[in-house]
């Protein structure tokens, strides 16, 4: 019991010292963290790194992100359908197929969304064509293997 009475005050003293040191250093670390975040999350820095193409004005942000989301939902659905039609297609290759079908500016989310809506039948036909070509290439590969036997 003697050893316990000697260590409890020293442990308590150490905890108090640690807490005081944390309180002393907290403003310094907060300032460093804020500065770090400011250097990385500002639009100028993000644009310089190529993460964004431009800042979206607050007044246009709702419309911009609505059109972006609408485009990406349609685009991701078509890419998934193309990749399901031909399992050898990468996402980039599926996007290239969609780009080749589109005459609109690829950076204009509104125009691309309209293209996806207006050209749904043509895109569906292209997906069917890709699936047919994929199946035909599998049949040709199997015939080639059969010929080797």
C-alpha atoms as a PDB file:
ATOM      1  CA  UNK A   1       0.000   0.000   0.000  1.00  0.00           C
ATOM      2  CA  UNK A   2       2.974   2.274   0.570  1.00  0.00           C
ATOM      3  CA  UNK A   3       4.041   2.082  -3.097  1.00  0.00           C
ATOM      4  CA  UNK A   4       0.495   2.916  -4.224  1.00  0.00           C
ATOM      5  CA  UNK A   5       0.334   6.081  -2.164  1.00  0.00           C
ATOM      6  CA  UNK A   6       3.635   7.255  -3.643  1.00  0.00           C
ATOM      7  CA  UNK A   7       2.736   6.644  -7.320  1.00  0.00           C
ATOM      8  CA  UNK A   8      -0.827   7.970  -7.372  1.00  0.00           C
ATOM      9  CA  UNK A   9       0.215  11.573  -6.748  1.00  0.00           C
ATOM     10  CA  UNK A  10       3.045  11.309  -9.276  1.00  0.00           C
ATOM     11  CA  UNK A  11       0.716   9.838 -11.922  1.00  0.00           C
ATOM     12  CA  UNK A  12      -1.833  12.539 -11.191  1.00  0.00           C
ATOM     13  CA  UNK A  13       0.900  15.150 -11.366  1.00  0.00           C
ATOM     14  CA  UNK A  14       2.070  13.813 -14.746  1.00  0.00           C
ATOM     15  CA  UNK A  15      -1.491  13.901 -16.107  1.00  0.00           C
ATOM     16  CA  UNK A  16      -1.873  17.504 -14.974  1.00  0.00           C
ATOM     17  CA  UNK A  17       1.444  18.405 -16.633  1.00  0.00           C
ATOM     18  CA  UNK A  18       0.413  16.702 -19.878  1.00  0.00           C
ATOM     19  CA  UNK A  19      -2.940  18.505 -19.905  1.00  0.00           C
ATOM     20  CA  UNK A  20      -1.219  21.851 -19.293  1.00  0.00           C
ATOM     21  CA  UNK A  21       1.225  21.188 -22.134  1.00  0.00           C
ATOM     22  CA  UNK A  22      -1.643  20.206 -24.481  1.00  0.00           C
ATOM     23  CA  UNK A  23      -3.498  23.411 -23.609  1.00  0.00           C
ATOM     24  CA  UNK A  24      -0.329  25.410 -24.246  1.00  0.00           C
ATOM     25  CA  UNK A  25       0.301  23.813 -27.680  1.00  0.00           C
ATOM     26  CA  UNK A  26      -3.328  23.649 -28.871  1.00  0.00           C
ATOM     27  CA  UNK A  27      -3.392  27.152 -30.475  1.00  0.00           C
ATOM     28  CA  UNK A  28      -0.147  26.467 -32.338  1.00  0.00           C
ATOM     29  CA  UNK A  29      -1.396  23.164 -33.736  1.00  0.00           C
ATOM     30  CA  UNK A  30      -4.771  24.707 -34.604  1.00  0.00           C
ATOM     31  CA  UNK A  31      -3.067  27.484 -36.546  1.00  0.00           C
ATOM     32  CA  UNK A  32      -0.820  24.994 -38.370  1.00  0.00           C
ATOM     33  CA  UNK A  33      -3.791  22.784 -39.259  1.00  0.00           C
ATOM     34  CA  UNK A  34      -5.786  25.763 -40.513  1.00  0.00           C
ATOM     35  CA  UNK A  35      -2.874  26.972 -42.625  1.00  0.00           C
ATOM     36  CA  UNK A  36      -2.360  23.466 -44.047  1.00  0.00           C
ATOM     37  CA  UNK A  37      -6.051  23.186 -44.944  1.00  0.00           C
ATOM     38  CA  UNK A  38      -6.030  26.648 -46.527  1.00  0.00           C
ATOM     39  CA  UNK A  39      -3.082  25.704 -48.716  1.00  0.00           C
ATOM     40  CA  UNK A  40      -4.769  22.530 -49.953  1.00  0.00           C
ATOM     41  CA  UNK A  41      -8.475  23.260 -50.141  1.00  0.00           C
ATOM     42  CA  UNK A  42      -8.647  26.650 -51.806  1.00  0.00           C
ATOM     43  CA  UNK A  43      -9.934  26.858 -55.379  1.00  0.00           C
ATOM     44  CA  UNK A  44      -6.714  28.452 -56.643  1.00  0.00           C
ATOM     45  CA  UNK A  45      -4.608  25.572 -55.365  1.00  0.00           C
ATOM     46  CA  UNK A  46      -7.078  22.950 -56.595  1.00  0.00           C
ATOM     47  CA  UNK A  47      -7.111  24.551 -60.052  1.00  0.00           C
ATOM     48  CA  UNK A  48      -3.294  24.660 -60.118  1.00  0.00           C
ATOM     49  CA  UNK A  49      -3.195  20.943 -59.337  1.00  0.00           C
ATOM     50  CA  UNK A  50      -5.744  20.147 -62.067  1.00  0.00           C
ATOM     51  CA  UNK A  51      -8.359  18.820 -59.659  1.00  0.00           C
ATOM     52  CA  UNK A  52     -10.931  21.338 -60.869  1.00  0.00           C
ATOM     53  CA  UNK A  53     -11.192  23.212 -64.143  1.00  0.00           C
ATOM     54  CA  UNK A  54     -12.747  26.391 -62.728  1.00  0.00           C
ATOM     55  CA  UNK A  55     -14.495  27.749 -59.677  1.00  0.00           C
ATOM     56  CA  UNK A  56     -18.274  27.597 -59.814  1.00  0.00           C
ATOM     57  CA  UNK A  57     -19.941  30.883 -58.819  1.00  0.00           C
ATOM     58  CA  UNK A  58     -22.274  30.413 -55.867  1.00  0.00           C
ATOM     59  CA  UNK A  59     -25.265  31.706 -57.821  1.00  0.00           C
ATOM     60  CA  UNK A  60     -24.808  28.989 -60.476  1.00  0.00           C
ATOM     61  CA  UNK A  61     -23.711  26.157 -58.205  1.00  0.00           C
ATOM     62  CA  UNK A  62     -27.092  24.456 -57.838  1.00  0.00           C
ATOM     63  CA  UNK A  63     -27.670  24.359 -61.599  1.00  0.00           C
ATOM     64  CA  UNK A  64     -24.079  23.296 -62.301  1.00  0.00           C
ATOM     65  CA  UNK A  65     -24.050  20.399 -59.841  1.00  0.00           C
ATOM     66  CA  UNK A  66     -27.551  19.287 -60.867  1.00  0.00           C
ATOM     67  CA  UNK A  67     -26.422  19.017 -64.492  1.00  0.00           C
ATOM     68  CA  UNK A  68     -23.171  17.342 -63.472  1.00  0.00           C
ATOM     69  CA  UNK A  69     -25.007  14.757 -61.371  1.00  0.00           C
ATOM     70  CA  UNK A  70     -27.584  14.142 -64.104  1.00  0.00           C
ATOM     71  CA  UNK A  71     -24.831  13.639 -66.667  1.00  0.00           C
ATOM     72  CA  UNK A  72     -22.761  11.333 -64.444  1.00  0.00           C
ATOM     73  CA  UNK A  73     -25.734   9.157 -63.497  1.00  0.00           C
ATOM     74  CA  UNK A  74     -26.612   8.602 -67.175  1.00  0.00           C
ATOM     75  CA  UNK A  75     -22.980   8.250 -68.202  1.00  0.00           C
ATOM     76  CA  UNK A  76     -22.169   5.725 -65.483  1.00  0.00           C
ATOM     77  CA  UNK A  77     -25.252   3.693 -66.403  1.00  0.00           C
ATOM     78  CA  UNK A  78     -24.229   3.587 -70.091  1.00  0.00           C
ATOM     79  CA  UNK A  79     -20.618   2.740 -69.218  1.00  0.00           C
ATOM     80  CA  UNK A  80     -21.833  -0.113 -67.008  1.00  0.00           C
ATOM     81  CA  UNK A  81     -24.072  -1.421 -69.789  1.00  0.00           C
ATOM     82  CA  UNK A  82     -21.214  -1.275 -72.298  1.00  0.00           C
ATOM     83  CA  UNK A  83     -18.855  -3.079 -69.932  1.00  0.00           C
ATOM     84  CA  UNK A  84     -21.529  -5.720 -69.287  1.00  0.00           C
ATOM     85  CA  UNK A  85     -21.963  -6.158 -73.047  1.00  0.00           C
ATOM     86  CA  UNK A  86     -18.216  -6.651 -73.532  1.00  0.00           C
ATOM     87  CA  UNK A  87     -16.276  -7.726 -70.466  1.00  0.00           C
ATOM     88  CA  UNK A  88     -12.967  -6.770 -72.101  1.00  0.00           C
ATOM     89  CA  UNK A  89     -13.901  -3.068 -72.223  1.00  0.00           C
ATOM     90  CA  UNK A  90     -12.311  -0.740 -69.707  1.00  0.00           C
ATOM     91  CA  UNK A  91     -14.133   2.283 -68.355  1.00  0.00           C
ATOM     92  CA  UNK A  92     -11.991   4.539 -70.542  1.00  0.00           C
ATOM     93  CA  UNK A  93     -12.787   2.473 -73.631  1.00  0.00           C
ATOM     94  CA  UNK A  94     -16.511   2.572 -72.865  1.00  0.00           C
ATOM     95  CA  UNK A  95     -16.293   6.351 -72.447  1.00  0.00           C
ATOM     96  CA  UNK A  96     -14.458   6.584 -75.766  1.00  0.00           C
ATOM     97  CA  UNK A  97     -17.373   4.789 -77.447  1.00  0.00           C
ATOM     98  CA  UNK A  98     -19.809   7.293 -75.969  1.00  0.00           C
ATOM     99  CA  UNK A  99     -17.543  10.212 -76.941  1.00  0.00           C
ATOM    100  CA  UNK A 100     -17.327   8.965 -80.517  1.00  0.00           C
ATOM    101  CA  UNK A 101     -21.123   9.012 -80.763  1.00  0.00           C
ATOM    102  CA  UNK A 102     -21.448  12.544 -79.395  1.00  0.00           C
ATOM    103  CA  UNK A 103     -20.955  15.740 -81.379  1.00  0.00           C
ATOM    104  CA  UNK A 104     -21.556  18.062 -78.406  1.00  0.00           C
ATOM    105  CA  UNK A 105     -18.828  19.692 -76.331  1.00  0.00           C
ATOM    106  CA  UNK A 106     -17.734  16.939 -73.940  1.00  0.00           C
ATOM    107  CA  UNK A 107     -17.132  19.482 -71.143  1.00  0.00           C
ATOM    108  CA  UNK A 108     -20.694  20.861 -71.308  1.00  0.00           C
ATOM    109  CA  UNK A 109     -22.705  18.833 -68.778  1.00  0.00           C
ATOM    110  CA  UNK A 110     -26.051  20.175 -70.007  1.00  0.00           C
ATOM    111  CA  UNK A 111     -25.307  19.299 -73.625  1.00  0.00           C
ATOM    112  CA  UNK A 112     -24.052  15.819 -72.734  1.00  0.00           C
ATOM    113  CA  UNK A 113     -27.125  15.162 -70.555  1.00  0.00           C
ATOM    114  CA  UNK A 114     -29.324  16.205 -73.461  1.00  0.00           C
ATOM    115  CA  UNK A 115     -27.338  13.952 -75.788  1.00  0.00           C
ATOM    116  CA  UNK A 116     -27.827  10.977 -73.454  1.00  0.00           C
ATOM    117  CA  UNK A 117     -31.568  11.668 -73.248  1.00  0.00           C
ATOM    118  CA  UNK A 118     -32.107  12.413 -76.937  1.00  0.00           C
ATOM    119  CA  UNK A 119     -29.892   9.589 -78.219  1.00  0.00           C
ATOM    120  CA  UNK A 120     -31.025   6.829 -75.865  1.00  0.00           C
ATOM    121  CA  UNK A 121     -32.191   4.634 -78.779  1.00  0.00           C
ATOM    122  CA  UNK A 122     -28.904   5.049 -80.682  1.00  0.00           C
ATOM    123  CA  UNK A 123     -26.879   4.332 -77.546  1.00  0.00           C
ATOM    124  CA  UNK A 124     -28.982   1.219 -76.862  1.00  0.00           C
ATOM    125  CA  UNK A 125     -28.362   0.070 -80.449  1.00  0.00           C
ATOM    126  CA  UNK A 126     -24.618   0.650 -80.005  1.00  0.00           C
ATOM    127  CA  UNK A 127     -24.650  -1.373 -76.769  1.00  0.00           C
ATOM    128  CA  UNK A 128     -26.430  -4.206 -78.611  1.00  0.00           C
ATOM    129  CA  UNK A 129     -23.856  -3.959 -81.407  1.00  0.00           C
ATOM    130  CA  UNK A 130     -20.980  -4.122 -78.926  1.00  0.00           C
ATOM    131  CA  UNK A 131     -22.564  -7.155 -77.289  1.00  0.00           C
ATOM    132  CA  UNK A 132     -23.023  -8.858 -80.669  1.00  0.00           C
ATOM    133  CA  UNK A 133     -19.385  -8.172 -81.608  1.00  0.00           C
ATOM    134  CA  UNK A 134     -18.203  -9.480 -78.234  1.00  0.00           C
ATOM    135  CA  UNK A 135     -20.181 -12.689 -78.596  1.00  0.00           C
ATOM    136  CA  UNK A 136     -18.947 -13.121 -82.178  1.00  0.00           C
ATOM    137  CA  UNK A 137     -15.323 -12.712 -81.083  1.00  0.00           C
ATOM    138  CA  UNK A 138     -15.854 -15.326 -78.347  1.00  0.00           C
ATOM    139  CA  UNK A 139     -17.355 -17.719 -80.907  1.00  0.00           C
ATOM    140  CA  UNK A 140     -14.412 -17.102 -83.255  1.00  0.00           C
ATOM    141  CA  UNK A 141     -11.958 -17.766 -80.424  1.00  0.00           C
ATOM    142  CA  UNK A 142     -13.732 -21.014 -79.535  1.00  0.00           C
ATOM    143  CA  UNK A 143     -13.763 -22.091 -83.207  1.00  0.00           C
ATOM    144  CA  UNK A 144     -10.031 -21.384 -83.384  1.00  0.00           C
ATOM    145  CA  UNK A 145      -9.458 -23.543 -80.318  1.00  0.00           C
ATOM    146  CA  UNK A 146     -11.661 -26.258 -81.770  1.00  0.00           C
ATOM    147  CA  UNK A 147      -9.670 -26.195 -85.013  1.00  0.00           C
ATOM    148  CA  UNK A 148      -6.462 -26.745 -83.042  1.00  0.00           C
ATOM    149  CA  UNK A 149      -7.760 -30.003 -81.523  1.00  0.00           C
END
